[in-house]
PDB file of N, CA and C in Angstrom:
ATOM      1  N   UNK A   1     116.787  67.301 123.811  1.00  0.00           N
ATOM      2  CA  UNK A   1     116.076  67.616 125.174  1.00  0.00           C
ATOM      3  C   UNK A   1     114.488  67.830 124.631  1.00  0.00           C
ATOM      4  N   UNK A   2     113.454  67.316 125.537  1.00  0.00           N
ATOM      5  CA  UNK A   2     111.915  67.511 125.125  1.00  0.00           C
ATOM      6  C   UNK A   2     111.551  69.066 125.561  1.00  0.00           C
ATOM      7  N   UNK A   3     110.307  69.374 125.379  1.00  0.00           N
ATOM      8  CA  UNK A   3     109.874  70.526 125.647  1.00  0.00           C
ATOM      9  C   UNK A   3     109.834  70.921 126.979  1.00  0.00           C
ATOM     10  N   UNK A   4     109.641  70.169 127.899  1.00  0.00           N
ATOM     11  CA  UNK A   4     109.501  70.120 129.335  1.00  0.00           C
ATOM     12  C   UNK A   4     110.452  70.301 129.901  1.00  0.00           C
ATOM     13  N   UNK A   5     111.603  69.849 129.483  1.00  0.00           N
ATOM     14  CA  UNK A   5     112.908  70.041 130.255  1.00  0.00           C
ATOM     15  C   UNK A   5     113.339  71.530 129.801  1.00  0.00           C
ATOM     16  N   UNK A   6     112.963  71.775 128.470  1.00  0.00           N
ATOM     17  CA  UNK A   6     113.399  73.332 128.042  1.00  0.00           C
ATOM     18  C   UNK A   6     112.571  74.310 128.912  1.00  0.00           C
ATOM     19  N   UNK A   7     111.209  74.215 129.299  1.00  0.00           N
ATOM     20  CA  UNK A   7     110.484  74.957 129.979  1.00  0.00           C
ATOM     21  C   UNK A   7     111.048  75.017 131.485  1.00  0.00           C
ATOM     22  N   UNK A   8     111.398  73.916 132.154  1.00  0.00           N
ATOM     23  CA  UNK A   8     112.015  73.886 133.561  1.00  0.00           C
ATOM     24  C   UNK A   8     113.222  74.791 133.447  1.00  0.00           C
ATOM     25  N   UNK A   9     114.121  74.558 132.552  1.00  0.00           N
ATOM     26  CA  UNK A   9     115.333  75.373 132.514  1.00  0.00           C
ATOM     27  C   UNK A   9     115.030  76.717 132.506  1.00  0.00           C
ATOM     28  N   UNK A  10     114.133  77.162 131.606  1.00  0.00           N
ATOM     29  CA  UNK A  10     113.720  78.541 131.305  1.00  0.00           C
ATOM     30  C   UNK A  10     113.088  78.890 132.773  1.00  0.00           C
ATOM     31  N   UNK A  11     112.193  78.321 133.342  1.00  0.00           N
ATOM     32  CA  UNK A  11     111.542  78.677 134.514  1.00  0.00           C
ATOM     33  C   UNK A  11     112.793  79.015 135.736  1.00  0.00           C
ATOM     34  N   UNK A  12     113.652  77.925 135.638  1.00  0.00           N
ATOM     35  CA  UNK A  12     114.688  78.097 136.772  1.00  0.00           C
ATOM     36  C   UNK A  12     115.547  79.256 136.632  1.00  0.00           C
ATOM     37  N   UNK A  13     115.835  79.646 135.441  1.00  0.00           N
ATOM     38  CA  UNK A  13     116.364  81.051 135.200  1.00  0.00           C
ATOM     39  C   UNK A  13     115.724  82.004 135.667  1.00  0.00           C
ATOM     40  N   UNK A  14     114.305  81.996 135.325  1.00  0.00           N
ATOM     41  CA  UNK A  14     113.502  83.316 135.517  1.00  0.00           C
ATOM     42  C   UNK A  14     113.333  83.509 137.029  1.00  0.00           C
ATOM     43  N   UNK A  15     113.051  82.279 137.722  1.00  0.00           N
ATOM     44  CA  UNK A  15     112.974  82.430 139.255  1.00  0.00           C
ATOM     45  C   UNK A  15     114.399  82.743 140.127  1.00  0.00           C
ATOM     46  N   UNK A  16     115.239  82.328 139.310  1.00  0.00           N
ATOM     47  CA  UNK A  16     116.642  82.699 140.213  1.00  0.00           C
ATOM     48  C   UNK A  16     117.064  84.222 139.776  1.00  0.00           C
ATOM     49  N   UNK A  17     116.545  84.847 138.784  1.00  0.00           N
ATOM     50  CA  UNK A  17     116.593  86.222 138.563  1.00  0.00           C
ATOM     51  C   UNK A  17     115.755  87.031 138.934  1.00  0.00           C
ATOM     52  N   UNK A  18     114.511  86.550 139.522  1.00  0.00           N
ATOM     53  CA  UNK A  18     113.339  87.600 140.019  1.00  0.00           C
ATOM     54  C   UNK A  18     113.027  87.486 141.477  1.00  0.00           C
ATOM     55  N   UNK A  19     113.549  86.612 142.209  1.00  0.00           N
ATOM     56  CA  UNK A  19     113.337  86.459 143.556  1.00  0.00           C
ATOM     57  C   UNK A  19     114.496  86.156 144.491  1.00  0.00           C
ATOM     58  N   UNK A  20     114.405  86.543 145.692  1.00  0.00           N
ATOM     59  CA  UNK A  20     115.301  86.321 146.671  1.00  0.00           C
ATOM     60  C   UNK A  20     114.933  85.134 147.392  1.00  0.00           C
ATOM     61  N   UNK A  21     115.711  84.117 147.505  1.00  0.00           N
ATOM     62  CA  UNK A  21     115.285  82.870 148.076  1.00  0.00           C
ATOM     63  C   UNK A  21     115.722  82.624 149.383  1.00  0.00           C
ATOM     64  N   UNK A  22     114.966  82.059 150.296  1.00  0.00           N
ATOM     65  CA  UNK A  22     113.756  81.327 150.265  1.00  0.00           C
ATOM     66  C   UNK A  22     112.558  82.452 150.119  1.00  0.00           C
ATOM     67  N   UNK A  23     111.618  82.063 149.321  1.00  0.00           N
ATOM     68  CA  UNK A  23     110.378  82.896 148.958  1.00  0.00           C
ATOM     69  C   UNK A  23     108.847  82.198 148.963  1.00  0.00           C
ATOM     70  N   UNK A  24     107.977  83.151 149.229  1.00  0.00           N
ATOM     71  CA  UNK A  24     106.775  82.418 148.872  1.00  0.00           C
ATOM     72  C   UNK A  24     106.467  82.324 147.449  1.00  0.00           C
ATOM     73  N   UNK A  25     105.985  81.320 146.896  1.00  0.00           N
ATOM     74  CA  UNK A  25     105.761  80.754 145.427  1.00  0.00           C
ATOM     75  C   UNK A  25     104.263  80.140 145.451  1.00  0.00           C
ATOM     76  N   UNK A  26     103.487  80.882 144.278  1.00  0.00           N
ATOM     77  CA  UNK A  26     102.124  80.381 143.988  1.00  0.00           C
ATOM     78  C   UNK A  26     102.115  79.631 142.627  1.00  0.00           C
ATOM     79  N   UNK A  27     101.735  78.198 143.061  1.00  0.00           N
ATOM     80  CA  UNK A  27     101.470  77.359 142.196  1.00  0.00           C
ATOM     81  C   UNK A  27     100.083  77.332 141.661  1.00  0.00           C
ATOM     82  N   UNK A  28      99.835  77.218 140.324  1.00  0.00           N
ATOM     83  CA  UNK A  28      98.498  76.982 139.827  1.00  0.00           C
ATOM     84  C   UNK A  28      98.650  75.762 139.092  1.00  0.00           C
ATOM     85  N   UNK A  29      97.621  74.969 139.363  1.00  0.00           N
ATOM     86  CA  UNK A  29      97.131  73.837 138.468  1.00  0.00           C
ATOM     87  C   UNK A  29      95.640  73.732 138.368  1.00  0.00           C
ATOM     88  N   UNK A  30      95.474  73.066 137.039  1.00  0.00           N
ATOM     89  CA  UNK A  30      94.270  72.684 136.390  1.00  0.00           C
ATOM     90  C   UNK A  30      94.004  71.412 136.574  1.00  0.00           C
ATOM     91  N   UNK A  31      92.932  70.818 137.316  1.00  0.00           N
ATOM     92  CA  UNK A  31      92.844  69.276 137.186  1.00  0.00           C
ATOM     93  C   UNK A  31      91.356  68.895 137.015  1.00  0.00           C
ATOM     94  N   UNK A  32      91.135  67.795 136.239  1.00  0.00           N
ATOM     95  CA  UNK A  32      89.697  67.332 136.035  1.00  0.00           C
ATOM     96  C   UNK A  32      89.167  67.509 137.436  1.00  0.00           C
ATOM     97  N   UNK A  33      87.726  67.783 137.562  1.00  0.00           N
ATOM     98  CA  UNK A  33      87.036  67.986 138.654  1.00  0.00           C
ATOM     99  C   UNK A  33      86.685  66.349 139.439  1.00  0.00           C
ATOM    100  N   UNK A  34      87.834  65.812 140.146  1.00  0.00           N
ATOM    101  CA  UNK A  34      87.541  64.574 140.822  1.00  0.00           C
ATOM    102  C   UNK A  34      88.254  64.637 142.123  1.00  0.00           C
ATOM    103  N   UNK A  35      87.880  64.441 143.223  1.00  0.00           N
ATOM    104  CA  UNK A  35      88.123  64.579 144.390  1.00  0.00           C
ATOM    105  C   UNK A  35      89.504  64.024 144.610  1.00  0.00           C
ATOM    106  N   UNK A  36      89.860  62.731 143.972  1.00  0.00           N
ATOM    107  CA  UNK A  36      90.972  61.906 144.302  1.00  0.00           C
ATOM    108  C   UNK A  36      92.238  62.585 143.540  1.00  0.00           C
ATOM    109  N   UNK A  37      91.882  63.364 142.335  1.00  0.00           N
ATOM    110  CA  UNK A  37      93.129  64.020 141.644  1.00  0.00           C
ATOM    111  C   UNK A  37      93.474  65.220 142.608  1.00  0.00           C
ATOM    112  N   UNK A  38      92.389  66.117 143.180  1.00  0.00           N
ATOM    113  CA  UNK A  38      92.420  67.183 143.793  1.00  0.00           C
ATOM    114  C   UNK A  38      93.336  66.630 145.273  1.00  0.00           C
ATOM    115  N   UNK A  39      93.088  65.826 145.758  1.00  0.00           N
ATOM    116  CA  UNK A  39      93.853  65.159 147.044  1.00  0.00           C
ATOM    117  C   UNK A  39      94.877  64.804 146.657  1.00  0.00           C
ATOM    118  N   UNK A  40      95.434  64.450 145.562  1.00  0.00           N
ATOM    119  CA  UNK A  40      96.800  63.952 145.078  1.00  0.00           C
ATOM    120  C   UNK A  40      97.851  65.258 145.047  1.00  0.00           C
ATOM    121  N   UNK A  41      97.012  66.174 144.348  1.00  0.00           N
ATOM    122  CA  UNK A  41      97.652  67.548 144.318  1.00  0.00           C
ATOM    123  C   UNK A  41      98.223  68.001 145.837  1.00  0.00           C
ATOM    124  N   UNK A  42      96.931  68.180 146.528  1.00  0.00           N
ATOM    125  CA  UNK A  42      97.166  68.614 147.932  1.00  0.00           C
ATOM    126  C   UNK A  42      98.207  68.028 148.636  1.00  0.00           C
ATOM    127  N   UNK A  43      98.108  66.466 148.774  1.00  0.00           N
ATOM    128  CA  UNK A  43      99.042  65.477 149.470  1.00  0.00           C
ATOM    129  C   UNK A  43     100.591  65.863 148.916  1.00  0.00           C
ATOM    130  N   UNK A  44     100.939  66.363 148.000  1.00  0.00           N
ATOM    131  CA  UNK A  44     102.311  66.440 147.238  1.00  0.00           C
ATOM    132  C   UNK A  44     102.826  67.613 147.913  1.00  0.00           C
ATOM    133  N   UNK A  45     101.929  68.627 148.540  1.00  0.00           N
ATOM    134  CA  UNK A  45     102.295  69.948 149.319  1.00  0.00           C
ATOM    135  C   UNK A  45     102.075  69.825 150.788  1.00  0.00           C
ATOM    136  N   UNK A  46     101.799  68.489 151.063  1.00  0.00           N
ATOM    137  CA  UNK A  46     101.335  68.311 152.510  1.00  0.00           C
ATOM    138  C   UNK A  46     102.839  68.700 153.300  1.00  0.00           C
ATOM    139  N   UNK A  47     102.482  68.987 154.536  1.00  0.00           N
ATOM    140  CA  UNK A  47     103.629  69.173 155.568  1.00  0.00           C
ATOM    141  C   UNK A  47     104.292  70.371 155.127  1.00  0.00           C
ATOM    142  N   UNK A  48     104.129  71.169 154.211  1.00  0.00           N
ATOM    143  CA  UNK A  48     105.069  72.175 153.677  1.00  0.00           C
ATOM    144  C   UNK A  48     104.494  73.833 154.101  1.00  0.00           C
ATOM    145  N   UNK A  49     103.540  73.578 155.204  1.00  0.00           N
ATOM    146  CA  UNK A  49     102.680  74.907 155.553  1.00  0.00           C
ATOM    147  C   UNK A  49     101.979  75.617 154.490  1.00  0.00           C
ATOM    148  N   UNK A  50     101.704  74.931 153.396  1.00  0.00           N
ATOM    149  CA  UNK A  50     101.028  75.691 152.096  1.00  0.00           C
ATOM    150  C   UNK A  50      99.464  76.075 152.432  1.00  0.00           C
ATOM    151  N   UNK A  51      99.386  77.168 151.784  1.00  0.00           N
ATOM    152  CA  UNK A  51      97.809  77.699 151.866  1.00  0.00           C
ATOM    153  C   UNK A  51      97.126  77.239 150.396  1.00  0.00           C
ATOM    154  N   UNK A  52      96.374  76.326 150.475  1.00  0.00           N
ATOM    155  CA  UNK A  52      95.760  75.902 149.070  1.00  0.00           C
ATOM    156  C   UNK A  52      94.512  76.027 149.043  1.00  0.00           C
ATOM    157  N   UNK A  53      93.930  76.656 147.985  1.00  0.00           N
ATOM    158  CA  UNK A  53      92.701  76.664 147.636  1.00  0.00           C
ATOM    159  C   UNK A  53      91.914  76.427 146.273  1.00  0.00           C
ATOM    160  N   UNK A  54      90.823  76.010 146.182  1.00  0.00           N
ATOM    161  CA  UNK A  54      90.332  75.454 145.111  1.00  0.00           C
ATOM    162  C   UNK A  54      89.379  76.325 144.524  1.00  0.00           C
ATOM    163  N   UNK A  55      88.930  76.011 143.081  1.00  0.00           N
ATOM    164  CA  UNK A  55      87.643  76.813 142.569  1.00  0.00           C
ATOM    165  C   UNK A  55      87.500  76.071 141.336  1.00  0.00           C
ATOM    166  N   UNK A  56      85.979  75.653 141.291  1.00  0.00           N
ATOM    167  CA  UNK A  56      85.718  74.900 140.069  1.00  0.00           C
ATOM    168  C   UNK A  56      85.380  75.826 138.820  1.00  0.00           C
ATOM    169  N   UNK A  57      85.735  75.332 137.705  1.00  0.00           N
ATOM    170  CA  UNK A  57      85.106  76.018 136.550  1.00  0.00           C
ATOM    171  C   UNK A  57      83.651  75.989 136.440  1.00  0.00           C
ATOM    172  N   UNK A  58      83.244  76.966 135.754  1.00  0.00           N
ATOM    173  CA  UNK A  58      81.654  77.464 135.466  1.00  0.00           C
ATOM    174  C   UNK A  58      80.913  76.158 135.190  1.00  0.00           C
ATOM    175  N   UNK A  59      81.262  75.161 134.457  1.00  0.00           N
ATOM    176  CA  UNK A  59      80.441  73.932 133.917  1.00  0.00           C
ATOM    177  C   UNK A  59      81.060  72.763 134.993  1.00  0.00           C
ATOM    178  N   UNK A  60      81.934  72.905 136.147  1.00  0.00           N
ATOM    179  CA  UNK A  60      82.226  71.914 136.894  1.00  0.00           C
ATOM    180  C   UNK A  60      82.971  71.038 136.413  1.00  0.00           C
ATOM    181  N   UNK A  61      83.499  70.862 135.327  1.00  0.00           N
ATOM    182  CA  UNK A  61      84.396  70.017 134.697  1.00  0.00           C
ATOM    183  C   UNK A  61      85.792  70.007 135.277  1.00  0.00           C
ATOM    184  N   UNK A  62      86.277  71.226 135.350  1.00  0.00           N
ATOM    185  CA  UNK A  62      87.744  71.285 136.002  1.00  0.00           C
ATOM    186  C   UNK A  62      87.839  72.270 137.259  1.00  0.00           C
ATOM    187  N   UNK A  63      88.731  71.633 137.902  1.00  0.00           N
ATOM    188  CA  UNK A  63      88.964  72.513 139.429  1.00  0.00           C
ATOM    189  C   UNK A  63      90.335  73.139 139.422  1.00  0.00           C
ATOM    190  N   UNK A  64      90.631  74.467 139.644  1.00  0.00           N
ATOM    191  CA  UNK A  64      91.767  75.219 139.716  1.00  0.00           C
ATOM    192  C   UNK A  64      92.251  75.054 141.180  1.00  0.00           C
ATOM    193  N   UNK A  65      93.397  74.728 141.174  1.00  0.00           N
ATOM    194  CA  UNK A  65      94.287  74.401 142.609  1.00  0.00           C
ATOM    195  C   UNK A  65      95.395  75.295 142.578  1.00  0.00           C
ATOM    196  N   UNK A  66      95.253  76.452 143.571  1.00  0.00           N
ATOM    197  CA  UNK A  66      96.148  77.286 143.950  1.00  0.00           C
ATOM    198  C   UNK A  66      96.943  76.894 145.281  1.00  0.00           C
ATOM    199  N   UNK A  67      98.293  76.989 145.168  1.00  0.00           N
ATOM    200  CA  UNK A  67      98.943  76.460 146.226  1.00  0.00           C
ATOM    201  C   UNK A  67     100.002  77.727 146.553  1.00  0.00           C
ATOM    202  N   UNK A  68      99.887  78.231 147.644  1.00  0.00           N
ATOM    203  CA  UNK A  68     100.980  79.341 148.050  1.00  0.00           C
ATOM    204  C   UNK A  68     101.750  78.823 149.199  1.00  0.00           C
ATOM    205  N   UNK A  69     102.845  78.574 148.744  1.00  0.00           N
ATOM    206  CA  UNK A  69     104.188  78.018 149.783  1.00  0.00           C
ATOM    207  C   UNK A  69     105.286  78.503 149.770  1.00  0.00           C
ATOM    208  N   UNK A  70     105.997  78.453 150.782  1.00  0.00           N
ATOM    209  CA  UNK A  70     107.419  79.207 150.809  1.00  0.00           C
ATOM    210  C   UNK A  70     108.249  77.740 150.405  1.00  0.00           C
ATOM    211  N   UNK A  71     109.166  78.151 149.384  1.00  0.00           N
ATOM    212  CA  UNK A  71     110.148  77.306 148.935  1.00  0.00           C
ATOM    213  C   UNK A  71     111.538  77.972 149.134  1.00  0.00           C
ATOM    214  N   UNK A  72     112.400  76.829 149.209  1.00  0.00           N
ATOM    215  CA  UNK A  72     113.622  77.326 149.469  1.00  0.00           C
ATOM    216  C   UNK A  72     114.629  77.741 148.319  1.00  0.00           C
ATOM    217  N   UNK A  73     114.210  77.329 147.263  1.00  0.00           N
ATOM    218  CA  UNK A  73     114.963  77.703 146.116  1.00  0.00           C
ATOM    219  C   UNK A  73     114.408  77.282 144.703  1.00  0.00           C
ATOM    220  N   UNK A  74     114.794  77.738 143.539  1.00  0.00           N
ATOM    221  CA  UNK A  74     113.992  77.511 142.197  1.00  0.00           C
ATOM    222  C   UNK A  74     114.286  75.889 142.055  1.00  0.00           C
ATOM    223  N   UNK A  75     115.194  75.129 142.391  1.00  0.00           N
ATOM    224  CA  UNK A  75     115.053  73.735 141.989  1.00  0.00           C
ATOM    225  C   UNK A  75     114.139  73.217 143.108  1.00  0.00           C
ATOM    226  N   UNK A  76     113.778  73.323 144.145  1.00  0.00           N
ATOM    227  CA  UNK A  76     112.665  73.014 144.638  1.00  0.00           C
ATOM    228  C   UNK A  76     111.174  72.998 144.114  1.00  0.00           C
ATOM    229  N   UNK A  77     111.263  74.436 143.604  1.00  0.00           N
ATOM    230  CA  UNK A  77     109.835  74.735 143.019  1.00  0.00           C
ATOM    231  C   UNK A  77     109.721  73.764 141.716  1.00  0.00           C
ATOM    232  N   UNK A  78     110.784  73.690 141.011  1.00  0.00           N
ATOM    233  CA  UNK A  78     110.530  72.869 139.835  1.00  0.00           C
ATOM    234  C   UNK A  78     110.410  71.366 140.211  1.00  0.00           C
ATOM    235  N   UNK A  79     111.094  70.946 141.116  1.00  0.00           N
ATOM    236  CA  UNK A  79     110.760  69.344 141.773  1.00  0.00           C
ATOM    237  C   UNK A  79     109.373  69.047 141.927  1.00  0.00           C
ATOM    238  N   UNK A  80     108.782  70.387 142.633  1.00  0.00           N
ATOM    239  CA  UNK A  80     107.263  70.099 142.844  1.00  0.00           C
ATOM    240  C   UNK A  80     106.418  70.023 141.363  1.00  0.00           C
ATOM    241  N   UNK A  81     106.618  70.854 140.667  1.00  0.00           N
ATOM    242  CA  UNK A  81     106.182  70.692 139.386  1.00  0.00           C
ATOM    243  C   UNK A  81     106.168  69.442 138.648  1.00  0.00           C
ATOM    244  N   UNK A  82     107.485  68.931 138.668  1.00  0.00           N
ATOM    245  CA  UNK A  82     107.812  67.453 138.103  1.00  0.00           C
ATOM    246  C   UNK A  82     106.791  66.622 139.026  1.00  0.00           C
ATOM    247  N   UNK A  83     106.864  66.630 140.021  1.00  0.00           N
ATOM    248  CA  UNK A  83     106.136  65.645 140.983  1.00  0.00           C
ATOM    249  C   UNK A  83     104.569  65.683 140.835  1.00  0.00           C
ATOM    250  N   UNK A  84     104.362  66.784 140.766  1.00  0.00           N
ATOM    251  CA  UNK A  84     102.806  66.754 140.319  1.00  0.00           C
ATOM    252  C   UNK A  84     102.380  66.118 138.922  1.00  0.00           C
ATOM    253  N   UNK A  85     103.296  66.635 137.946  1.00  0.00           N
ATOM    254  CA  UNK A  85     103.049  66.053 136.608  1.00  0.00           C
ATOM    255  C   UNK A  85     103.247  64.818 136.452  1.00  0.00           C
ATOM    256  N   UNK A  86     104.025  64.183 137.299  1.00  0.00           N
ATOM    257  CA  UNK A  86     104.284  62.679 137.266  1.00  0.00           C
ATOM    258  C   UNK A  86     103.163  61.592 137.866  1.00  0.00           C
ATOM    259  N   UNK A  87     102.690  62.623 138.955  1.00  0.00           N
ATOM    260  CA  UNK A  87     101.634  61.758 139.670  1.00  0.00           C
ATOM    261  C   UNK A  87     100.264  61.860 139.671  1.00  0.00           C
ATOM    262  N   UNK A  88      99.966  62.912 138.856  1.00  0.00           N
ATOM    263  CA  UNK A  88      98.374  63.629 138.929  1.00  0.00           C
ATOM    264  C   UNK A  88      98.081  63.413 137.235  1.00  0.00           C
ATOM    265  N   UNK A  89      97.278  62.206 136.945  1.00  0.00           N
ATOM    266  CA  UNK A  89      97.024  62.265 135.538  1.00  0.00           C
ATOM    267  C   UNK A  89      95.807  63.333 135.246  1.00  0.00           C
ATOM    268  N   UNK A  90      96.227  63.946 133.980  1.00  0.00           N
ATOM    269  CA  UNK A  90      95.604  65.168 133.511  1.00  0.00           C
ATOM    270  C   UNK A  90      95.627  66.522 133.959  1.00  0.00           C
ATOM    271  N   UNK A  91      96.811  66.647 134.503  1.00  0.00           N
ATOM    272  CA  UNK A  91      96.915  67.862 135.222  1.00  0.00           C
ATOM    273  C   UNK A  91      97.633  68.919 134.236  1.00  0.00           C
ATOM    274  N   UNK A  92      97.329  69.941 134.615  1.00  0.00           N
ATOM    275  CA  UNK A  92      97.914  71.164 133.552  1.00  0.00           C
ATOM    276  C   UNK A  92      98.531  72.131 134.371  1.00  0.00           C
ATOM    277  N   UNK A  93      99.803  72.330 134.380  1.00  0.00           N
ATOM    278  CA  UNK A  93     100.493  73.216 135.034  1.00  0.00           C
ATOM    279  C   UNK A  93     100.410  74.647 134.501  1.00  0.00           C
ATOM    280  N   UNK A  94     100.105  75.807 135.299  1.00  0.00           N
ATOM    281  CA  UNK A  94     100.046  77.138 134.755  1.00  0.00           C
ATOM    282  C   UNK A  94     101.389  78.006 135.394  1.00  0.00           C
TER     283      UNK A  94
END
């Protein structure tokens, strides 16, 4: 099993133990400052009623994307992390 699968497994356990589902979940991603990449992240959460905010780093090289969205269960949270990781090049999930 690779590290990312181990990470998702641990995250699922933590989410299941710490929240009553469905619940609001805050995603944080760091992407290279590029309007296309930021739009890709935003598009993944389109039609979910997400509140999305972005903030550029001091030197403008990176942009942090925060997404507050109501999710049904831990599996749905993890699916979105995986979708972002697979579709947006250079993204860092926090």
